[in-house]
C-alpha cells in the first residue's frame, strides 16, 4: 500500500494543480457544450443551415404595358446576369482577363471584384445573349449565371414620357411604370436548396418553395398610331421653329381618354442613362404657364352662360389702345366695334378686358375653378402640378383685367386641353384618362373597367357650348387668328394663344421678350372625335404667334388622325350628296 506520507509535498501540489486544471478544462468544455446545444442552439442551427441550405429568390416577371389596341409598348424579357464566387477562384488575374474580354469590361475593375472576400459578387447584370453564350463556353471556375428580367421598350422613344422607365432591378421610376409600379411589379418567389462544401446546389427542399406572382398588365388609352402621328408633327414643328421645348396632347372629347401625349425633346427609355432630367420631364403635366389668349373662350363661355352678354353684343375696342387706370391695353390690330363673337375671332385683348370687368372678379374666379384651374386633374401619371389660381383675397385691382386675357393665372397643358374638351362635348368637364384596363398575365381582367367617361361637373350649358361657342371657334379658324389650322376636308374649331414669359430680374418678376405659342383645336365641329393642343416654348426663326407656330401642327394632326379613324371627309361627302 502506498504511503502518502512519504510523497514529496511538491508532488502533491503538482497533482492538485493538475486536477484543478482538468476540472476547469472539463467545466469549460461542459459549459461550451451546454451553450452550443441549449443556450445558443437556434443560432448554431441557423448557421449550420445557412452553410448547408440557401434561400434563393425566384424572379417575378413585370407586367406588360399595352396601348388601347393591344400593341406592346413595354415588356420584360429573360436575360442572363454574371456573378462570381471569389473564394473559389484560383487564378484570379487570368479569370479577370477572360471575363473583361468577353464582356467588354475593364480588367482592373473585374480583378478588384474577384479579390473581394465574399462568396457572391455581381460581375455584370442583364447581358446580351451572345456575351452570355461566349462566356459559358469558357467554363470558368467560380463564375455563374443567373436568369433575370430586363425591361425593354420595342418602340424606343415612342410614348416614352407616358411609359416612364425602371431601374436595373425593374422598379418603376417615372411615368406609368412609376405610378402603377405596385400593380405591374408582381412579387418574387423563393426556394430553399441544399449545397455541398463547394457551394454547389444538389437538391431543393420540398414544401419550402413559394411561387413568384407575375405582375399585372396595363392597357393605356393611348393609340400607338395616333401617338406616332402626334410625335411626328410635333417634331416637324420643332425642327422648323427651334423652340426650347414643346408639348402636344390629343384627347377624345367625349370620354376624356388621352389618345396621345408627346414632349420635345424626347428620350429612349432603353438607354435612360444617355438622357437628361429635362429630356425625361413630362411637361404636359408638370409645367404650367400663363395661357394668354387660350383662356379667352373659357371666359367668354362663362359670360354667356351667366347671361351677362349676348354673342352679337357690340363692344367698342378703342382702335387698338384702351387705358384702364394706369394701364394701357393694346390689340395687335386696330378695331372699333366688335361683337362678342368677333372679340374671339380676332383675339381682342381690349374686348376681353371689358368682358372681364363686366363679369367681376368673383364670377371670373368662379369659372376658373369650374374649369378646374388651380387643381390637379387626377390623371394617373406622377408629378402632376395644379397650376395657379390665386385666392380672391390676393387679387389686386388689376387682376380682373389681367385674368380676362390670360395672365395672373397658370395652367398645365393637360388642364387646358381638358377644359377645351368640355366645350367640344357640350359643356361637361371630364376627368382625363390614361389607363383603360388592368389584367393579369393571362389576360383576365383583375380590375373593373375604368369609369369612362368620368364626369367632374357641368361647366356651361349644352346650348352655349354647342350652338354658340363651337360656331364661334370655327370662325376663329375660318376667318380669324387660327387660319393656319383650317382643313379642306374637315371643319375645325380652335383658338390661338400667345403668351409672354416671366423672368426674374433682381428680386422682381418681369415679362421678357420670350413667348409661348399655342393652339388648341377640335374636329369635326358637329361631332368632335379628337381635340388637340400643341404648345411651343420660346420658338425662334422669326415667329412666335400661336397661329403661326402651333396651328399648322394641330391641323395636320387632326387631319391625319381623323383619316386614321376612318372619319369620312365632311366637305367631300357634302359635295357627293
Protein backbone atom coordinates (compact mmCIF):
# COMPACT_ATOMS: atom_id res chain seq x y z
CA UNK A 1 0.00 0.00 0.00
CA UNK A 2 1.27 3.41 -0.99
CA UNK A 3 2.37 5.52 1.91
CA UNK A 4 1.20 9.01 1.14
CA UNK A 5 3.22 10.47 3.95
CA UNK A 6 6.40 9.67 2.05
CA UNK A 7 5.22 11.52 -1.15
CA UNK A 8 7.06 14.80 -1.50
CA UNK A 9 4.98 17.89 -0.89
CA UNK A 10 5.82 19.35 -4.31
CA UNK A 11 4.28 16.32 -5.98
CA UNK A 12 1.09 16.82 -4.02
CA UNK A 13 0.93 20.45 -5.13
CA UNK A 14 1.50 19.46 -8.76
CA UNK A 15 -1.19 16.80 -8.56
CA UNK A 16 -3.64 19.28 -7.07
CA UNK A 17 -2.91 21.82 -9.80
CA UNK A 18 -3.29 19.13 -12.46
CA UNK A 19 -6.65 18.02 -11.04
CA UNK A 20 -7.87 21.59 -10.79
CA UNK A 21 -6.74 22.26 -14.38
CA UNK A 22 -8.52 19.15 -15.62
CA UNK A 23 -11.62 20.19 -13.70
CA UNK A 24 -11.51 23.71 -15.14
CA UNK A 25 -10.96 22.42 -18.69
CA UNK A 26 -13.80 19.94 -18.45
CA UNK A 27 -16.01 22.58 -16.85
CA UNK A 28 -15.28 24.92 -19.73
CA UNK A 29 -15.92 22.18 -22.24
CA UNK A 30 -19.15 21.30 -20.44
CA UNK A 31 -20.22 24.97 -20.48
CA UNK A 32 -19.44 25.25 -24.19
CA UNK A 33 -21.45 22.12 -24.89
CA UNK A 34 -24.39 23.48 -22.88
CA UNK A 35 -24.10 26.87 -24.59
CA UNK A 36 -23.94 25.38 -28.09
CA UNK A 37 -26.53 22.66 -27.57
CA UNK A 38 -29.00 24.52 -25.37
CA UNK A 39 -28.41 28.24 -24.87
CA UNK A 40 -27.32 29.17 -28.44
CA UNK A 41 -28.94 26.20 -30.11
CA UNK A 42 -31.01 28.30 -32.52
CA UNK A 43 -28.03 30.41 -33.51
CA UNK A 44 -25.80 27.49 -34.42
CA UNK A 45 -28.62 25.57 -36.04
CA UNK A 46 -29.25 28.59 -38.26
CA UNK A 47 -25.52 28.86 -39.01
CA UNK A 48 -25.37 25.19 -40.00
CA UNK A 49 -28.47 25.50 -42.13
CA UNK A 50 -27.09 28.61 -43.82
CA UNK A 51 -24.00 26.62 -44.81
CA UNK A 52 -25.94 23.57 -45.93
CA UNK A 53 -29.00 25.30 -47.36
CA UNK A 54 -29.62 28.62 -49.06
CA UNK A 55 -32.78 30.53 -49.79
CA UNK A 56 -32.85 31.72 -53.38
CA UNK A 57 -35.19 34.26 -54.94
CA UNK A 58 -37.37 33.18 -57.84
CA UNK A 59 -37.59 36.27 -60.05
CA UNK A 60 -41.00 37.61 -60.95
CA UNK A 61 -41.93 38.96 -64.34
CA UNK A 62 -43.09 42.53 -64.65
CA UNK A 63 -46.43 43.06 -66.38
CA UNK A 64 -46.71 44.30 -69.95
CA UNK A 65 -47.87 47.80 -70.90
CA UNK A 66 -50.10 47.86 -73.98
CA UNK A 67 -51.71 50.61 -75.99
CA UNK A 68 -55.50 50.60 -76.36
CA UNK A 69 -55.32 48.12 -79.26
CA UNK A 70 -53.02 45.62 -77.55
CA UNK A 71 -49.73 46.78 -79.05
CA UNK A 72 -46.85 46.08 -76.64
CA UNK A 73 -45.19 49.29 -75.52
CA UNK A 74 -43.15 47.85 -72.62
CA UNK A 75 -42.33 44.26 -71.65
CA UNK A 76 -39.77 42.23 -69.71
CA UNK A 77 -37.57 39.65 -71.43
CA UNK A 78 -35.41 36.98 -69.77
CA UNK A 79 -31.66 37.61 -69.90
CA UNK A 80 -28.54 36.34 -68.13
CA UNK A 81 -26.55 38.06 -65.40
CA UNK A 82 -22.98 37.05 -64.47
CA UNK A 83 -21.81 36.57 -60.88
CA UNK A 84 -18.68 35.20 -59.22
CA UNK A 85 -17.70 33.28 -56.09
CA UNK A 86 -14.27 34.90 -55.48
CA UNK A 87 -13.25 32.41 -52.79
CA UNK A 88 -13.42 29.51 -55.23
CA UNK A 89 -11.37 31.16 -57.99
CA UNK A 90 -7.69 30.18 -58.01
CA UNK A 91 -6.15 32.17 -60.88
CA UNK A 92 -7.98 35.48 -60.46
CA UNK A 93 -5.92 37.53 -62.89
CA UNK A 94 -6.41 35.04 -65.71
CA UNK A 95 -10.14 34.81 -64.93
CA UNK A 96 -10.42 38.62 -64.88
CA UNK A 97 -8.72 38.82 -68.30
CA UNK A 98 -11.11 36.31 -69.88
CA UNK A 99 -14.19 37.98 -68.37
CA UNK A 100 -13.14 41.51 -69.39
CA UNK A 101 -12.54 40.40 -72.99
CA UNK A 102 -15.85 38.55 -73.23
CA UNK A 103 -17.99 41.26 -71.61
CA UNK A 104 -16.12 44.36 -72.69
CA UNK A 105 -15.27 45.37 -69.11
CA UNK A 106 -12.22 46.99 -67.56
CA UNK A 107 -9.79 44.23 -66.49
CA UNK A 108 -8.65 46.07 -63.36
CA UNK A 109 -12.20 46.58 -62.14
CA UNK A 110 -13.07 42.93 -62.72
CA UNK A 111 -9.93 41.83 -60.84
CA UNK A 112 -10.91 44.08 -57.94
CA UNK A 113 -14.30 42.35 -57.75
CA UNK A 114 -12.69 38.90 -57.86
CA UNK A 115 -10.35 39.78 -54.99
CA UNK A 116 -13.16 40.51 -52.56
CA UNK A 117 -13.52 38.20 -49.54
CA UNK A 118 -17.06 37.24 -50.42
CA UNK A 119 -18.93 34.21 -51.71
CA UNK A 120 -21.02 36.29 -54.15
CA UNK A 121 -20.39 39.39 -56.27
CA UNK A 122 -22.14 40.65 -59.39
CA UNK A 123 -19.87 40.97 -62.42
CA UNK A 124 -22.36 42.31 -64.95
CA UNK A 125 -26.13 42.17 -64.98
CA UNK A 126 -28.55 41.67 -67.87
CA UNK A 127 -26.02 40.99 -70.61
CA UNK A 128 -26.80 40.22 -74.29
CA UNK A 129 -27.31 36.56 -75.17
CA UNK A 130 -24.22 36.46 -77.38
CA UNK A 131 -21.99 37.61 -74.49
CA UNK A 132 -23.55 35.05 -72.15
CA UNK A 133 -23.00 32.25 -74.68
CA UNK A 134 -19.37 33.27 -75.24
CA UNK A 135 -18.61 33.32 -71.51
CA UNK A 136 -20.37 30.00 -70.88
CA UNK A 137 -18.08 28.37 -73.43
CA UNK A 138 -15.05 29.40 -71.33
CA UNK A 139 -16.33 27.20 -68.45
CA UNK A 140 -14.60 29.35 -65.82
CA UNK A 141 -14.37 28.08 -62.25
CA UNK A 142 -16.30 30.24 -59.76
CA UNK A 143 -18.26 32.05 -62.46
CA UNK A 144 -22.01 31.51 -62.64
CA UNK A 145 -25.09 32.79 -64.45
CA UNK A 146 -28.45 33.84 -63.11
CA UNK A 147 -31.65 34.41 -65.08
CA UNK A 148 -33.18 37.84 -64.60
CA UNK A 149 -35.64 40.01 -66.48
CA UNK A 150 -34.80 43.14 -68.40
CA UNK A 151 -37.32 45.88 -69.25
CA UNK A 152 -37.42 46.73 -72.93
CA UNK A 153 -39.38 49.29 -74.94
CA UNK A 154 -39.85 47.98 -78.51
CA UNK A 155 -40.81 51.35 -79.98
CA UNK A 156 -37.92 53.20 -78.29
CA UNK A 157 -38.82 56.91 -77.98
CA UNK A 158 -42.50 56.46 -78.82
CA UNK A 159 -44.68 57.44 -75.86
CA UNK A 160 -41.61 57.48 -73.60
CA UNK A 161 -42.84 60.22 -71.25
CA UNK A 162 -46.09 58.38 -70.60
CA UNK A 163 -44.41 54.99 -70.16
CA UNK A 164 -41.54 56.19 -67.98
CA UNK A 165 -38.78 53.69 -67.15
CA UNK A 166 -37.38 51.35 -64.47
CA UNK A 167 -34.08 50.98 -62.65
CA UNK A 168 -31.73 47.99 -63.01
CA UNK A 169 -33.88 45.99 -60.56
CA UNK A 170 -37.03 46.78 -62.56
CA UNK A 171 -38.51 49.18 -60.02
CA UNK A 172 -40.68 51.74 -61.82
CA UNK A 173 -39.32 55.27 -61.54
CA UNK A 174 -41.32 57.53 -63.86
CA UNK A 175 -44.49 57.56 -65.94
CA UNK A 176 -46.92 54.65 -65.75
CA UNK A 177 -44.00 52.44 -64.72
CA UNK A 178 -43.72 54.57 -61.59
CA UNK A 179 -47.34 55.46 -60.79
CA UNK A 180 -48.57 51.86 -61.20
CA UNK A 181 -45.38 50.14 -60.00
CA UNK A 182 -47.21 48.11 -57.34
CA UNK A 183 -49.67 46.85 -59.94
CA UNK A 184 -47.10 45.99 -62.62
CA UNK A 185 -44.22 44.67 -60.48
CA UNK A 186 -45.73 41.44 -59.08
CA UNK A 187 -43.92 39.65 -56.22
CA UNK A 188 -40.83 37.46 -56.10
CA UNK A 189 -40.96 33.79 -55.11
CA UNK A 190 -38.34 31.76 -53.22
CA UNK A 191 -36.92 28.24 -52.87
CA UNK A 192 -34.53 26.55 -50.42
CA UNK A 193 -31.70 24.49 -51.97
CA UNK A 194 -29.11 22.16 -50.43
CA UNK A 195 -25.44 22.86 -51.14
CA UNK A 196 -22.24 20.86 -50.69
CA UNK A 197 -18.91 22.08 -49.32
CA UNK A 198 -18.11 23.74 -52.64
CA UNK A 199 -21.45 25.58 -52.54
CA UNK A 200 -22.76 23.52 -55.43
CA UNK A 201 -26.51 23.02 -55.48
CA UNK A 202 -27.59 19.39 -55.25
CA UNK A 203 -31.22 19.42 -54.04
CA UNK A 204 -34.33 21.55 -53.46
CA UNK A 205 -36.29 21.24 -50.25
CA UNK A 206 -39.85 20.20 -50.87
CA UNK A 207 -42.53 22.34 -49.24
CA UNK A 208 -40.22 25.36 -48.96
CA UNK A 209 -40.88 26.78 -52.42
CA UNK A 210 -43.03 29.91 -52.82
CA UNK A 211 -44.05 30.58 -56.40
CA UNK A 212 -43.46 34.00 -57.94
CA UNK A 213 -46.53 36.05 -58.84
CA UNK A 214 -46.23 37.77 -62.19
CA UNK A 215 -47.18 41.43 -62.40
CA UNK A 216 -50.45 42.64 -63.87
CA UNK A 217 -50.58 44.18 -67.32
CA UNK A 218 -51.84 47.68 -68.06
CA UNK A 219 -53.77 48.79 -71.15
CA UNK A 220 -53.43 52.51 -71.83
CA UNK A 221 -55.90 54.77 -73.59
CA UNK A 222 -53.01 55.77 -75.87
CA UNK A 223 -53.36 54.76 -79.51
CA UNK A 224 -49.96 53.84 -80.89
CA UNK A 225 -50.78 55.12 -84.40
CA UNK A 226 -52.12 58.47 -83.17
CA UNK A 227 -49.13 58.80 -80.82
CA UNK A 228 -46.83 58.31 -83.80
CA UNK A 229 -48.72 60.98 -85.78
CA UNK A 230 -48.55 63.46 -82.90
CA UNK A 231 -44.84 62.90 -82.28
CA UNK A 232 -44.09 63.20 -85.98
CA UNK A 233 -45.94 66.50 -86.41
CA UNK A 234 -44.57 67.92 -83.15
CA UNK A 235 -41.02 67.13 -84.25
CA UNK A 236 -41.63 68.76 -87.64
CA UNK A 237 -42.86 71.93 -85.94
CA UNK A 238 -39.86 71.95 -83.62
CA UNK A 239 -37.38 71.45 -86.45
CA UNK A 240 -38.91 74.48 -88.17
CA UNK A 241 -39.31 76.85 -85.22
CA UNK A 242 -36.48 75.68 -82.92
CA UNK A 243 -38.30 76.03 -79.57
CA UNK A 244 -36.64 75.35 -76.23
CA UNK A 245 -39.28 72.66 -75.62
CA UNK A 246 -42.76 71.69 -76.82
CA UNK A 247 -45.75 69.51 -75.95
CA UNK A 248 -48.71 68.03 -77.78
CA UNK A 249 -51.80 66.22 -76.45
CA UNK A 250 -54.63 64.53 -78.34
CA UNK A 251 -57.79 63.65 -76.39
CA UNK A 252 -61.18 62.15 -77.13
CA UNK A 253 -63.61 64.95 -76.06
CA UNK A 254 -66.49 62.57 -75.43
CA UNK A 255 -64.63 60.28 -72.99
CA UNK A 256 -61.64 62.24 -71.68
CA UNK A 257 -59.31 59.48 -72.91
CA UNK A 258 -55.80 60.65 -73.80
CA UNK A 259 -55.07 59.29 -77.27
CA UNK A 260 -51.55 60.71 -77.45
CA UNK A 261 -49.19 62.74 -75.26
CA UNK A 262 -45.82 63.89 -76.60
CA UNK A 263 -42.93 66.05 -75.45
CA UNK A 264 -39.99 67.57 -77.25
CA UNK A 265 -37.14 66.90 -76.64
CA UNK A 266 -37.68 63.21 -76.02
CA UNK A 267 -35.61 60.25 -74.78
CA UNK A 268 -35.20 56.50 -75.29
CA UNK A 269 -36.18 54.59 -72.10
CA UNK A 270 -33.98 51.67 -73.21
CA UNK A 271 -30.98 53.94 -72.60
CA UNK A 272 -32.09 56.20 -69.75
CA UNK A 273 -28.50 56.98 -68.72
CA UNK A 274 -27.95 58.73 -72.05
CA UNK A 275 -30.72 61.28 -71.34
CA UNK A 276 -31.01 64.32 -69.07
CA UNK A 277 -33.72 65.09 -66.49
CA UNK A 278 -35.02 67.88 -68.74
CA UNK A 279 -35.44 65.44 -71.63
CA UNK A 280 -37.29 62.99 -69.38
CA UNK A 281 -39.70 65.53 -67.89
CA UNK A 282 -43.31 65.12 -68.93
CA UNK A 283 -44.04 68.81 -69.40
CA UNK A 284 -47.64 68.06 -70.40
CA UNK A 285 -48.45 67.55 -66.73
CA UNK A 286 -45.53 69.06 -64.80
CA UNK A 287 -45.14 72.51 -66.39
CA UNK A 288 -47.65 75.30 -66.11
CA UNK A 289 -47.71 78.66 -67.85
CA UNK A 290 -49.90 81.70 -68.26
CA UNK A 291 -52.23 80.63 -71.10
CA UNK A 292 -52.70 84.04 -72.70
CA UNK A 293 -55.43 84.03 -75.34
CA UNK A 294 -56.16 80.31 -74.87
CA UNK A 295 -58.22 81.30 -71.85
CA UNK A 296 -60.48 83.67 -73.77
CA UNK A 297 -63.07 81.10 -74.98
CA UNK A 298 -63.42 79.82 -71.42
CA UNK A 299 -64.04 83.32 -70.07
CA UNK A 300 -66.48 84.13 -72.88
CA UNK A 301 -68.39 80.88 -72.36
CA UNK A 302 -68.71 81.82 -68.67
CA UNK A 303 -70.01 85.30 -69.53
CA UNK A 304 -72.53 83.84 -71.99
CA UNK A 305 -73.59 81.10 -69.58
CA UNK A 306 -74.15 83.72 -66.85
CA UNK A 307 -76.44 85.71 -69.13
CA UNK A 308 -74.24 88.79 -68.85
CA UNK A 309 -73.76 89.20 -72.62
CA UNK A 310 -75.13 88.02 -75.95
CA UNK A 311 -72.93 86.74 -78.75
CA UNK A 312 -73.89 89.67 -81.01
CA UNK A 313 -73.49 92.39 -78.38
CA UNK A 314 -71.06 95.10 -79.52
CA UNK A 315 -68.07 96.41 -77.56
CA UNK A 316 -66.06 99.46 -78.54
CA UNK A 317 -62.41 98.38 -78.79
CA UNK A 318 -60.88 101.87 -78.81
CA UNK A 319 -58.99 101.46 -82.08
CA UNK A 320 -56.24 99.30 -80.60
CA UNK A 321 -55.35 101.12 -77.33
CA UNK A 322 -57.51 101.21 -74.20
CA UNK A 323 -56.40 102.93 -70.99
CA UNK A 324 -57.69 101.41 -67.75
CA UNK A 325 -56.43 103.20 -64.65
CA UNK A 326 -52.67 103.44 -65.23
CA UNK A 327 -52.51 100.56 -67.72
CA UNK A 328 -52.82 100.69 -71.48
CA UNK A 329 -54.25 97.51 -73.01
CA UNK A 330 -53.34 97.01 -76.66
CA UNK A 331 -54.55 94.83 -79.54
CA UNK A 332 -52.31 93.61 -82.36
CA UNK A 333 -54.66 95.28 -84.85
CA UNK A 334 -56.91 98.33 -84.54
CA UNK A 335 -60.66 97.68 -84.11
CA UNK A 336 -63.58 99.97 -83.36
CA UNK A 337 -66.70 97.92 -82.56
CA UNK A 338 -66.54 94.14 -82.21
CA UNK A 339 -69.26 91.69 -81.24
CA UNK A 340 -68.58 89.12 -78.53
CA UNK A 341 -68.08 86.59 -81.31
CA UNK A 342 -65.61 88.83 -83.15
CA UNK A 343 -63.69 89.51 -79.94
CA UNK A 344 -62.73 85.84 -80.00
CA UNK A 345 -62.29 85.61 -83.76
CA UNK A 346 -59.81 88.49 -83.73
CA UNK A 347 -58.50 87.70 -80.21
CA UNK A 348 -59.05 91.25 -78.94
CA UNK A 349 -57.48 91.91 -75.53
CA UNK A 350 -59.41 95.14 -75.20
CA UNK A 351 -62.73 93.40 -75.78
CA UNK A 352 -61.82 90.68 -73.26
CA UNK A 353 -60.89 93.25 -70.60
CA UNK A 354 -64.32 94.84 -70.90
CA UNK A 355 -65.98 91.42 -70.67
CA UNK A 356 -63.89 90.57 -67.63
CA UNK A 357 -64.78 93.82 -65.89
CA UNK A 358 -68.46 93.17 -66.53
CA UNK A 359 -68.13 89.69 -65.01
CA UNK A 360 -66.25 90.93 -61.96
CA UNK A 361 -63.54 89.11 -60.03
CA UNK A 362 -65.92 86.81 -58.12
CA UNK A 363 -67.50 85.39 -61.26
CA UNK A 364 -64.17 85.21 -63.08
CA UNK A 365 -62.68 83.27 -60.18
CA UNK A 366 -65.73 81.00 -60.05
CA UNK A 367 -65.43 80.00 -63.71
CA UNK A 368 -61.69 79.39 -63.46
CA UNK A 369 -62.42 76.96 -60.64
CA UNK A 370 -65.29 75.39 -62.60
CA UNK A 371 -62.82 74.52 -65.32
CA UNK A 372 -60.60 73.05 -62.56
CA UNK A 373 -57.77 75.55 -62.94
CA UNK A 374 -55.62 75.52 -59.82
CA UNK A 375 -56.45 71.84 -59.20
CA UNK A 376 -54.87 68.60 -60.34
CA UNK A 377 -56.86 66.76 -62.98
CA UNK A 378 -56.12 63.42 -61.29
CA UNK A 379 -54.63 61.77 -64.37
CA UNK A 380 -52.73 58.61 -63.38
CA UNK A 381 -49.26 59.95 -64.07
CA UNK A 382 -46.70 61.04 -61.46
CA UNK A 383 -45.58 64.63 -60.99
CA UNK A 384 -48.75 66.45 -62.00
CA UNK A 385 -48.86 70.05 -60.81
CA UNK A 386 -52.04 72.00 -60.14
CA UNK A 387 -51.22 75.26 -61.86
CA UNK A 388 -52.11 78.53 -60.17
CA UNK A 389 -55.28 80.45 -59.42
CA UNK A 390 -54.64 82.93 -56.66
CA UNK A 391 -57.19 83.22 -53.83
CA UNK A 392 -59.57 86.15 -54.28
CA UNK A 393 -58.16 87.99 -51.28
CA UNK A 394 -54.83 88.20 -53.13
CA UNK A 395 -56.28 89.70 -56.31
CA UNK A 396 -55.16 93.27 -56.94
CA UNK A 397 -57.22 95.99 -58.59
CA UNK A 398 -55.67 95.00 -61.92
CA UNK A 399 -56.12 91.23 -61.53
CA UNK A 400 -59.55 91.20 -63.18
CA UNK A 401 -58.04 92.91 -66.21
CA UNK A 402 -55.07 90.54 -66.43
CA UNK A 403 -57.01 87.33 -65.87
CA UNK A 404 -59.53 88.25 -68.58
CA UNK A 405 -56.91 87.81 -71.32
CA UNK A 406 -54.88 85.01 -69.79
CA UNK A 407 -52.41 86.42 -67.26
CA UNK A 408 -52.03 86.22 -63.47
CA UNK A 409 -53.15 82.59 -63.68
CA UNK A 410 -51.29 79.49 -64.84
CA UNK A 411 -52.43 76.14 -66.19
CA UNK A 412 -50.82 72.91 -67.31
CA UNK A 413 -51.31 71.64 -70.89
CA UNK A 414 -53.45 68.75 -69.61
CA UNK A 415 -55.73 71.23 -67.81
CA UNK A 416 -56.11 73.34 -70.93
CA UNK A 417 -56.95 70.51 -73.32
CA UNK A 418 -59.37 69.06 -70.75
CA UNK A 419 -61.12 72.45 -70.45
CA UNK A 420 -61.49 72.76 -74.23
CA UNK A 421 -62.88 69.23 -74.42
CA UNK A 422 -65.72 70.41 -72.19
CA UNK A 423 -66.75 72.90 -74.85
CA UNK A 424 -66.34 70.32 -77.62
CA UNK A 425 -68.51 67.71 -75.85
CA UNK A 426 -71.36 70.04 -74.94
CA UNK A 427 -70.35 71.61 -71.64
CA UNK A 428 -69.22 68.73 -69.38
CA UNK A 429 -65.79 68.68 -67.76
CA UNK A 430 -64.41 65.11 -67.76
CA UNK A 431 -61.52 63.63 -65.84
CA UNK A 432 -58.67 62.84 -68.27
CA UNK A 433 -57.96 59.10 -68.52
CA UNK A 434 -54.66 57.41 -69.39
CA UNK A 435 -55.45 53.83 -68.21
CA UNK A 436 -58.08 51.75 -69.95
CA UNK A 437 -57.96 48.46 -68.01
CA UNK A 438 -55.74 46.17 -65.93
CA UNK A 439 -55.42 42.43 -66.49
CA UNK A 440 -53.38 39.60 -65.01
CA UNK A 441 -50.61 38.00 -67.04
CA UNK A 442 -53.04 35.58 -68.69
CA UNK A 443 -55.25 38.44 -69.88
CA UNK A 444 -58.06 38.06 -67.33
CA UNK A 445 -59.38 41.40 -66.10
CA UNK A 446 -58.44 41.91 -62.45
CA UNK A 447 -59.99 45.32 -62.01
CA UNK A 448 -63.29 46.68 -63.16
CA UNK A 449 -63.09 48.79 -66.28
CA UNK A 450 -62.03 52.30 -65.51
CA UNK A 451 -65.02 54.59 -65.49
CA UNK A 452 -65.09 56.30 -68.87
CA UNK A 453 -66.20 58.96 -69.14
CA UNK A 454 -65.77 60.14 -65.56
CA UNK A 455 -67.80 63.29 -65.15
CA UNK A 456 -66.41 66.07 -62.95
CA UNK A 457 -69.11 68.72 -63.40
CA UNK A 458 -71.12 70.66 -65.97
CA UNK A 459 -69.31 73.93 -66.67
CA UNK A 460 -71.63 75.55 -69.23
CA UNK A 461 -74.98 74.61 -70.75
CA UNK A 462 -75.11 72.42 -73.88
CA UNK A 463 -76.73 75.29 -75.78
CA UNK A 464 -73.86 77.66 -75.00
CA UNK A 465 -71.20 75.04 -75.81
CA UNK A 466 -72.66 73.55 -78.98
CA UNK A 467 -74.79 76.31 -80.51
CA UNK A 468 -72.73 79.39 -79.69
CA UNK A 469 -69.14 78.59 -78.66
CA UNK A 470 -68.37 75.89 -81.25
CA UNK A 471 -69.52 78.06 -84.21
CA UNK A 472 -67.51 81.00 -82.83
CA UNK A 473 -64.38 78.85 -82.50
CA UNK A 474 -64.98 77.51 -86.01
CA UNK A 475 -64.93 81.11 -87.24
CA UNK A 476 -61.62 81.65 -85.42
CA UNK A 477 -60.18 79.04 -87.78
CA UNK A 478 -62.06 80.17 -90.89
CA UNK A 479 -61.67 83.93 -90.55
CA UNK A 480 -59.51 84.77 -87.55
CA UNK A 481 -56.16 84.04 -85.95
CA UNK A 482 -56.37 80.26 -86.45
CA UNK A 483 -56.48 80.14 -90.26
CA UNK A 484 -53.32 78.01 -90.43
CA UNK A 485 -55.28 75.13 -88.86
CA UNK A 486 -58.07 75.20 -91.45
CA UNK A 487 -58.62 71.97 -93.40
CA UNK A 488 -60.27 71.38 -96.75
CA UNK A 489 -61.72 68.06 -95.57
CA UNK A 490 -62.99 68.69 -92.02
CA UNK A 491 -64.47 71.59 -90.07
CA UNK A 492 -62.10 72.67 -87.29
CA UNK A 493 -62.83 74.81 -84.21
CA UNK A 494 -59.99 76.23 -82.16
CA UNK A 495 -58.19 79.10 -80.51
CA UNK A 496 -54.70 80.55 -80.70
CA UNK A 497 -52.68 81.59 -77.68
CA UNK A 498 -49.54 83.71 -77.49
CA UNK A 499 -48.28 84.50 -74.01
CA UNK A 500 -45.26 86.44 -72.83
CA UNK A 501 -43.00 84.63 -70.37
CA UNK A 502 -41.99 85.94 -67.00
CA UNK A 503 -38.35 86.15 -65.97
CA UNK A 504 -36.69 87.15 -62.72
CA UNK A 505 -34.89 90.49 -62.74
CA UNK A 506 -33.27 91.03 -59.36
CA UNK A 507 -35.96 90.43 -56.76
CA UNK A 508 -38.84 91.02 -59.15
CA UNK A 509 -40.56 89.08 -61.91
CA UNK A 510 -40.89 90.90 -65.22
CA UNK A 511 -42.21 89.96 -68.64
CA UNK A 512 -39.47 89.12 -71.12
CA UNK A 513 -39.29 89.08 -74.90
CA UNK A 514 -39.79 85.29 -74.90
CA UNK A 515 -43.16 83.73 -75.76
CA UNK A 516 -45.15 80.52 -75.61
CA UNK A 517 -47.10 79.97 -78.82
CA UNK A 518 -50.06 77.58 -78.60
CA UNK A 519 -53.11 76.38 -80.44
CA UNK A 520 -55.92 74.07 -79.38
CA UNK A 521 -58.49 72.75 -81.82
CA UNK A 522 -61.10 70.03 -82.24
CA UNK A 523 -62.90 68.41 -85.17
CA UNK A 524 -65.27 67.68 -86.76
CA UNK A 525 -67.11 70.60 -85.17
CA UNK A 526 -70.58 69.00 -85.22
CA UNK A 527 -69.39 65.72 -83.69
CA UNK A 528 -65.84 66.10 -82.34
CA UNK A 529 -63.70 62.96 -82.37
CA UNK A 530 -60.42 64.49 -81.30
CA UNK A 531 -59.19 67.61 -79.50
CA UNK A 532 -55.51 68.57 -79.95
CA UNK A 533 -53.27 71.02 -78.12
CA UNK A 534 -49.80 71.98 -79.37
CA UNK A 535 -47.62 74.42 -77.45
CA UNK A 536 -44.11 75.64 -78.34
CA UNK A 537 -41.96 77.19 -75.62
CA UNK A 538 -39.73 80.04 -76.85
CA UNK A 539 -39.95 79.44 -80.62
CA UNK A 540 -37.36 81.15 -82.83
CA UNK A 541 -36.78 81.67 -86.56
CA UNK A 542 -38.77 84.90 -86.66
CA UNK A 543 -42.18 83.79 -85.34
CA UNK A 544 -43.85 83.20 -82.00
CA UNK A 545 -47.60 83.65 -82.54
CA UNK A 546 -49.61 80.52 -81.76
CA UNK A 547 -51.45 80.86 -85.05
CA UNK A 548 -48.15 80.61 -86.91
CA UNK A 549 -46.00 78.14 -84.95
CA UNK A 550 -48.63 75.78 -83.47
CA UNK A 551 -51.83 75.94 -85.54
CA UNK A 552 -50.39 74.17 -88.63
CA UNK A 553 -49.24 71.23 -86.49
CA UNK A 554 -52.69 70.93 -84.89
CA UNK A 555 -54.35 70.97 -88.31
CA UNK A 556 -52.03 68.25 -89.60
CA UNK A 557 -52.53 66.10 -86.51
CA UNK A 558 -56.32 66.41 -86.74
CA UNK A 559 -56.42 65.59 -90.43
CA UNK A 560 -54.13 62.54 -90.15
CA UNK A 561 -55.89 61.31 -87.01
CA UNK A 562 -59.40 61.56 -88.46
CA UNK A 563 -58.18 59.83 -91.60
CA UNK A 564 -56.74 57.02 -89.43
CA UNK A 565 -60.04 56.82 -87.54
CA UNK A 566 -61.76 56.49 -90.93
CA UNK A 567 -63.93 59.54 -90.30
CA UNK A 568 -65.21 60.46 -93.75
CA UNK A 569 -64.24 63.91 -95.07
CA UNK A 570 -67.19 66.24 -94.43
CA UNK A 571 -66.86 68.51 -97.40
CA UNK A 572 -66.35 65.69 -99.91
CA UNK A 573 -69.46 63.93 -98.58
CA UNK A 574 -71.46 67.15 -98.88
CA UNK A 575 -70.37 67.57 -102.48
CA UNK A 576 -71.35 63.99 -103.29
CA UNK A 577 -74.80 64.47 -101.80
